[in-house]
Structures are given as structure tokens and as C-alpha cells.
Amino acid sequence: MLVKAQLATKIGEIIKRRKLTQIQAAELLGIPQPKLSNMLRGQFRGISETKMIDCLTRLGRNVEIVVKAAPRSKAAGRVSVVFA
């Protein structure tokens, strides 16, 4: 869930920086305004990471997914979000 929270925070920051209303942003992102409102308030039910990534690209951001080996000292890898 942390990944979704980080993506939603970034989407909200971009919307605010561009001075878009939720209605304008929802139209641009291709999602209903109530769903956008829920996402920005931390309610992620019904919205996938893939859709959030699509939202970021619609907001003019490049999204790069990098898969790399976990350190040998760890049995499992981790998922993180890095904004550049």
C-alpha cells in the first residue's frame, strides 16, 4: 500500500502545481472525479498501481520501472518508489 500512497501523493502534487481542479484533472486522467478524490484522500480501492502510473504519464511524467537483484543477504526483494 505504501507504493500507492507515494504515487497518489505525487499525482496530487502535480495537480496542485498545475492548478487544476479535480474535475479538470479527472478528465485529463481519464477517471471519474469521485475516484480521483478518493485516491487523493488515500482511499485506493478500485485503483491499481498501473492506473496510477498511467495518471502520471498523462500528467507529463516519464515512469521507469527498474528490476534488479536483491542483495544476497536478503531472502526477498523490496519495492520502492523513487522520484527524480
N, C-alpha and C. Protein backbone atom coordinates (compact mmCIF):
# COMPACT_ATOMS: atom_id res chain seq x y z
N MET A 1 0.83 -1.20 0.00
CA MET A 1 0.00 0.00 0.00
C MET A 1 0.87 1.26 0.00
N LEU A 2 2.07 1.18 0.52
CA LEU A 2 2.95 2.34 0.56
C LEU A 2 3.23 2.87 -0.85
N VAL A 3 3.38 1.98 -1.82
CA VAL A 3 3.64 2.40 -3.19
C VAL A 3 2.48 3.24 -3.70
N LYS A 4 1.26 2.78 -3.50
CA LYS A 4 0.09 3.54 -3.95
C LYS A 4 0.05 4.91 -3.26
N ALA A 5 0.36 4.95 -2.00
CA ALA A 5 0.34 6.23 -1.27
C ALA A 5 1.37 7.20 -1.85
N GLN A 6 2.55 6.70 -2.16
CA GLN A 6 3.58 7.56 -2.73
C GLN A 6 3.18 8.06 -4.12
N LEU A 7 2.61 7.17 -4.93
CA LEU A 7 2.16 7.57 -6.27
C LEU A 7 1.04 8.60 -6.17
N ALA A 8 0.09 8.37 -5.29
CA ALA A 8 -1.04 9.30 -5.12
C ALA A 8 -0.55 10.67 -4.64
N THR A 9 0.41 10.68 -3.75
CA THR A 9 0.96 11.94 -3.26
C THR A 9 1.58 12.72 -4.41
N LYS A 10 2.35 12.04 -5.25
CA LYS A 10 2.98 12.71 -6.38
C LYS A 10 1.94 13.22 -7.37
N ILE A 11 0.91 12.42 -7.64
CA ILE A 11 -0.16 12.85 -8.54
C ILE A 11 -0.82 14.11 -7.98
N GLY A 12 -1.11 14.12 -6.70
CA GLY A 12 -1.71 15.29 -6.06
C GLY A 12 -0.82 16.52 -6.14
N GLU A 13 0.48 16.34 -5.95
CA GLU A 13 1.42 17.46 -6.04
C GLU A 13 1.42 18.07 -7.43
N ILE A 14 1.41 17.21 -8.44
CA ILE A 14 1.43 17.69 -9.83
C ILE A 14 0.14 18.43 -10.16
N ILE A 15 -0.98 17.87 -9.74
CA ILE A 15 -2.28 18.51 -9.98
C ILE A 15 -2.30 19.90 -9.32
N LYS A 16 -1.82 19.98 -8.10
CA LYS A 16 -1.79 21.25 -7.38
C LYS A 16 -0.86 22.25 -8.07
N ARG A 17 0.33 21.78 -8.46
CA ARG A 17 1.31 22.65 -9.13
C ARG A 17 0.75 23.21 -10.44
N ARG A 18 -0.03 22.37 -11.14
CA ARG A 18 -0.62 22.81 -12.42
C ARG A 18 -1.91 23.60 -12.22
N LYS A 19 -2.32 23.74 -10.97
CA LYS A 19 -3.54 24.50 -10.61
C LYS A 19 -4.77 23.97 -11.34
N LEU A 20 -4.89 22.64 -11.37
CA LEU A 20 -6.05 22.00 -11.98
C LEU A 20 -7.11 21.76 -10.91
N THR A 21 -8.36 21.92 -11.29
CA THR A 21 -9.44 21.49 -10.40
C THR A 21 -9.50 19.97 -10.46
N GLN A 22 -10.19 19.36 -9.51
CA GLN A 22 -10.34 17.90 -9.56
C GLN A 22 -11.10 17.48 -10.81
N ILE A 23 -12.06 18.28 -11.23
CA ILE A 23 -12.83 17.94 -12.44
C ILE A 23 -11.91 17.99 -13.66
N GLN A 24 -11.09 19.02 -13.78
CA GLN A 24 -10.15 19.12 -14.90
C GLN A 24 -9.15 17.97 -14.87
N ALA A 25 -8.62 17.70 -13.69
CA ALA A 25 -7.63 16.63 -13.55
C ALA A 25 -8.24 15.28 -13.88
N ALA A 26 -9.43 15.02 -13.39
CA ALA A 26 -10.09 13.73 -13.65
C ALA A 26 -10.31 13.53 -15.14
N GLU A 27 -10.72 14.59 -15.83
CA GLU A 27 -10.92 14.49 -17.28
C GLU A 27 -9.60 14.18 -17.98
N LEU A 28 -8.54 14.87 -17.59
CA LEU A 28 -7.22 14.65 -18.16
C LEU A 28 -6.72 13.23 -17.89
N LEU A 29 -7.00 12.73 -16.70
CA LEU A 29 -6.51 11.41 -16.29
C LEU A 29 -7.40 10.27 -16.76
N GLY A 30 -8.59 10.59 -17.23
CA GLY A 30 -9.49 9.56 -17.73
C GLY A 30 -10.14 8.74 -16.63
N ILE A 31 -10.37 9.37 -15.48
CA ILE A 31 -11.05 8.68 -14.38
C ILE A 31 -12.16 9.58 -13.85
N PRO A 32 -13.18 8.99 -13.25
CA PRO A 32 -14.25 9.82 -12.67
C PRO A 32 -13.72 10.68 -11.52
N GLN A 33 -14.26 11.88 -11.38
CA GLN A 33 -13.81 12.80 -10.33
C GLN A 33 -13.93 12.19 -8.93
N PRO A 34 -15.02 11.47 -8.61
CA PRO A 34 -15.07 10.88 -7.26
C PRO A 34 -13.94 9.88 -7.00
N LYS A 35 -13.54 9.14 -8.03
CA LYS A 35 -12.44 8.19 -7.87
C LYS A 35 -11.12 8.93 -7.63
N LEU A 36 -10.93 10.04 -8.35
CA LEU A 36 -9.73 10.86 -8.14
C LEU A 36 -9.73 11.42 -6.72
N SER A 37 -10.86 11.93 -6.29
CA SER A 37 -10.98 12.47 -4.93
C SER A 37 -10.62 11.42 -3.89
N ASN A 38 -11.16 10.22 -4.06
CA ASN A 38 -10.84 9.13 -3.12
C ASN A 38 -9.35 8.83 -3.12
N MET A 39 -8.76 8.75 -4.31
CA MET A 39 -7.34 8.43 -4.41
C MET A 39 -6.51 9.49 -3.69
N LEU A 40 -6.84 10.75 -3.89
CA LEU A 40 -6.07 11.83 -3.27
C LEU A 40 -6.26 11.88 -1.75
N ARG A 41 -7.32 11.26 -1.26
CA ARG A 41 -7.57 11.19 0.19
C ARG A 41 -7.07 9.86 0.78
N GLY A 42 -6.35 9.07 -0.02
CA GLY A 42 -5.76 7.84 0.50
C GLY A 42 -6.65 6.63 0.44
N GLN A 43 -7.75 6.71 -0.29
CA GLN A 43 -8.64 5.57 -0.45
C GLN A 43 -8.40 4.97 -1.83
N PHE A 44 -7.66 3.88 -1.87
CA PHE A 44 -7.17 3.33 -3.13
C PHE A 44 -7.98 2.18 -3.69
N ARG A 45 -9.07 1.84 -3.03
CA ARG A 45 -9.89 0.72 -3.50
C ARG A 45 -10.35 0.99 -4.94
N GLY A 46 -10.13 0.02 -5.80
CA GLY A 46 -10.59 0.14 -7.18
C GLY A 46 -9.65 0.89 -8.11
N ILE A 47 -8.47 1.23 -7.63
CA ILE A 47 -7.48 1.88 -8.50
C ILE A 47 -6.15 1.16 -8.33
N SER A 48 -5.62 0.71 -9.45
CA SER A 48 -4.40 -0.10 -9.43
C SER A 48 -3.15 0.78 -9.55
N GLU A 49 -2.02 0.19 -9.22
CA GLU A 49 -0.75 0.88 -9.43
C GLU A 49 -0.57 1.21 -10.91
N THR A 50 -1.02 0.30 -11.77
CA THR A 50 -0.91 0.52 -13.22
C THR A 50 -1.69 1.77 -13.62
N LYS A 51 -2.89 1.94 -13.10
CA LYS A 51 -3.69 3.13 -13.43
C LYS A 51 -3.03 4.38 -12.89
N MET A 52 -2.44 4.29 -11.72
CA MET A 52 -1.75 5.45 -11.14
C MET A 52 -0.54 5.83 -11.99
N ILE A 53 0.16 4.84 -12.50
CA ILE A 53 1.29 5.10 -13.39
C ILE A 53 0.79 5.76 -14.66
N ASP A 54 -0.35 5.28 -15.19
CA ASP A 54 -0.96 5.90 -16.36
C ASP A 54 -1.29 7.36 -16.07
N CYS A 55 -1.79 7.64 -14.88
CA CYS A 55 -2.10 9.02 -14.49
C CYS A 55 -0.85 9.89 -14.54
N LEU A 56 0.25 9.36 -14.05
CA LEU A 56 1.50 10.12 -14.07
C LEU A 56 1.95 10.42 -15.49
N THR A 57 1.82 9.46 -16.39
CA THR A 57 2.22 9.72 -17.78
C THR A 57 1.29 10.75 -18.42
N ARG A 58 0.01 10.70 -18.09
CA ARG A 58 -0.94 11.69 -18.61
C ARG A 58 -0.64 13.09 -18.07
N LEU A 59 0.02 13.13 -16.93
CA LEU A 59 0.43 14.41 -16.33
C LEU A 59 1.82 14.84 -16.81
N GLY A 60 2.33 14.16 -17.83
CA GLY A 60 3.60 14.57 -18.44
C GLY A 60 4.84 14.04 -17.77
N ARG A 61 4.71 12.95 -17.03
CA ARG A 61 5.87 12.37 -16.37
C ARG A 61 6.27 11.07 -17.07
N ASN A 62 7.56 10.84 -17.17
CA ASN A 62 8.07 9.55 -17.62
C ASN A 62 8.13 8.64 -16.40
N VAL A 63 7.75 7.40 -16.58
CA VAL A 63 7.80 6.42 -15.50
C VAL A 63 8.72 5.29 -15.95
N GLU A 64 9.71 5.00 -15.17
CA GLU A 64 10.68 3.96 -15.48
C GLU A 64 10.64 2.92 -14.37
N ILE A 65 10.44 1.68 -14.74
CA ILE A 65 10.43 0.59 -13.76
C ILE A 65 11.74 -0.18 -13.91
N VAL A 66 12.48 -0.28 -12.84
CA VAL A 66 13.77 -0.96 -12.85
C VAL A 66 13.69 -2.18 -11.95
N VAL A 67 14.05 -3.33 -12.48
CA VAL A 67 14.09 -4.57 -11.70
C VAL A 67 15.55 -4.97 -11.57
N LYS A 68 15.98 -5.17 -10.33
CA LYS A 68 17.37 -5.56 -10.10
C LYS A 68 17.43 -6.62 -9.01
N ALA A 69 18.53 -7.30 -8.95
CA ALA A 69 18.70 -8.37 -7.97
C ALA A 69 18.74 -7.79 -6.56
N ALA A 70 18.14 -8.52 -5.63
CA ALA A 70 18.20 -8.13 -4.22
C ALA A 70 19.58 -8.49 -3.68
N PRO A 71 20.02 -7.80 -2.63
CA PRO A 71 21.30 -8.17 -2.02
C PRO A 71 21.27 -9.63 -1.57
N ARG A 72 22.39 -10.27 -1.63
CA ARG A 72 22.45 -11.69 -1.27
C ARG A 72 22.07 -11.93 0.19
N SER A 73 22.20 -10.92 1.01
CA SER A 73 21.87 -11.08 2.42
C SER A 73 20.36 -11.09 2.67
N LYS A 74 19.58 -10.77 1.66
CA LYS A 74 18.12 -10.71 1.80
C LYS A 74 17.49 -11.88 1.05
N ALA A 75 16.51 -12.50 1.67
CA ALA A 75 15.80 -13.60 1.02
C ALA A 75 14.81 -13.08 -0.01
N ALA A 76 14.21 -11.94 0.27
CA ALA A 76 13.21 -11.37 -0.63
C ALA A 76 13.62 -9.95 -1.01
N GLY A 77 13.16 -9.54 -2.18
CA GLY A 77 13.42 -8.18 -2.63
C GLY A 77 12.44 -7.20 -2.00
N ARG A 78 12.49 -5.96 -2.44
CA ARG A 78 11.58 -4.94 -1.93
C ARG A 78 11.10 -4.08 -3.10
N VAL A 79 10.05 -3.36 -2.86
CA VAL A 79 9.50 -2.44 -3.85
C VAL A 79 9.63 -1.04 -3.28
N SER A 80 10.15 -0.12 -4.08
CA SER A 80 10.26 1.27 -3.64
C SER A 80 9.95 2.20 -4.80
N VAL A 81 9.60 3.41 -4.46
CA VAL A 81 9.32 4.44 -5.46
C VAL A 81 10.34 5.55 -5.27
N VAL A 82 10.99 5.93 -6.36
CA VAL A 82 11.98 7.00 -6.33
C VAL A 82 11.55 8.05 -7.34
N PHE A 83 11.43 9.30 -6.92
CA PHE A 83 11.06 10.38 -7.82
C PHE A 83 12.30 11.20 -8.13
N ALA A 84 12.50 11.45 -9.41
CA ALA A 84 13.68 12.22 -9.83
C ALA A 84 13.27 13.60 -10.29
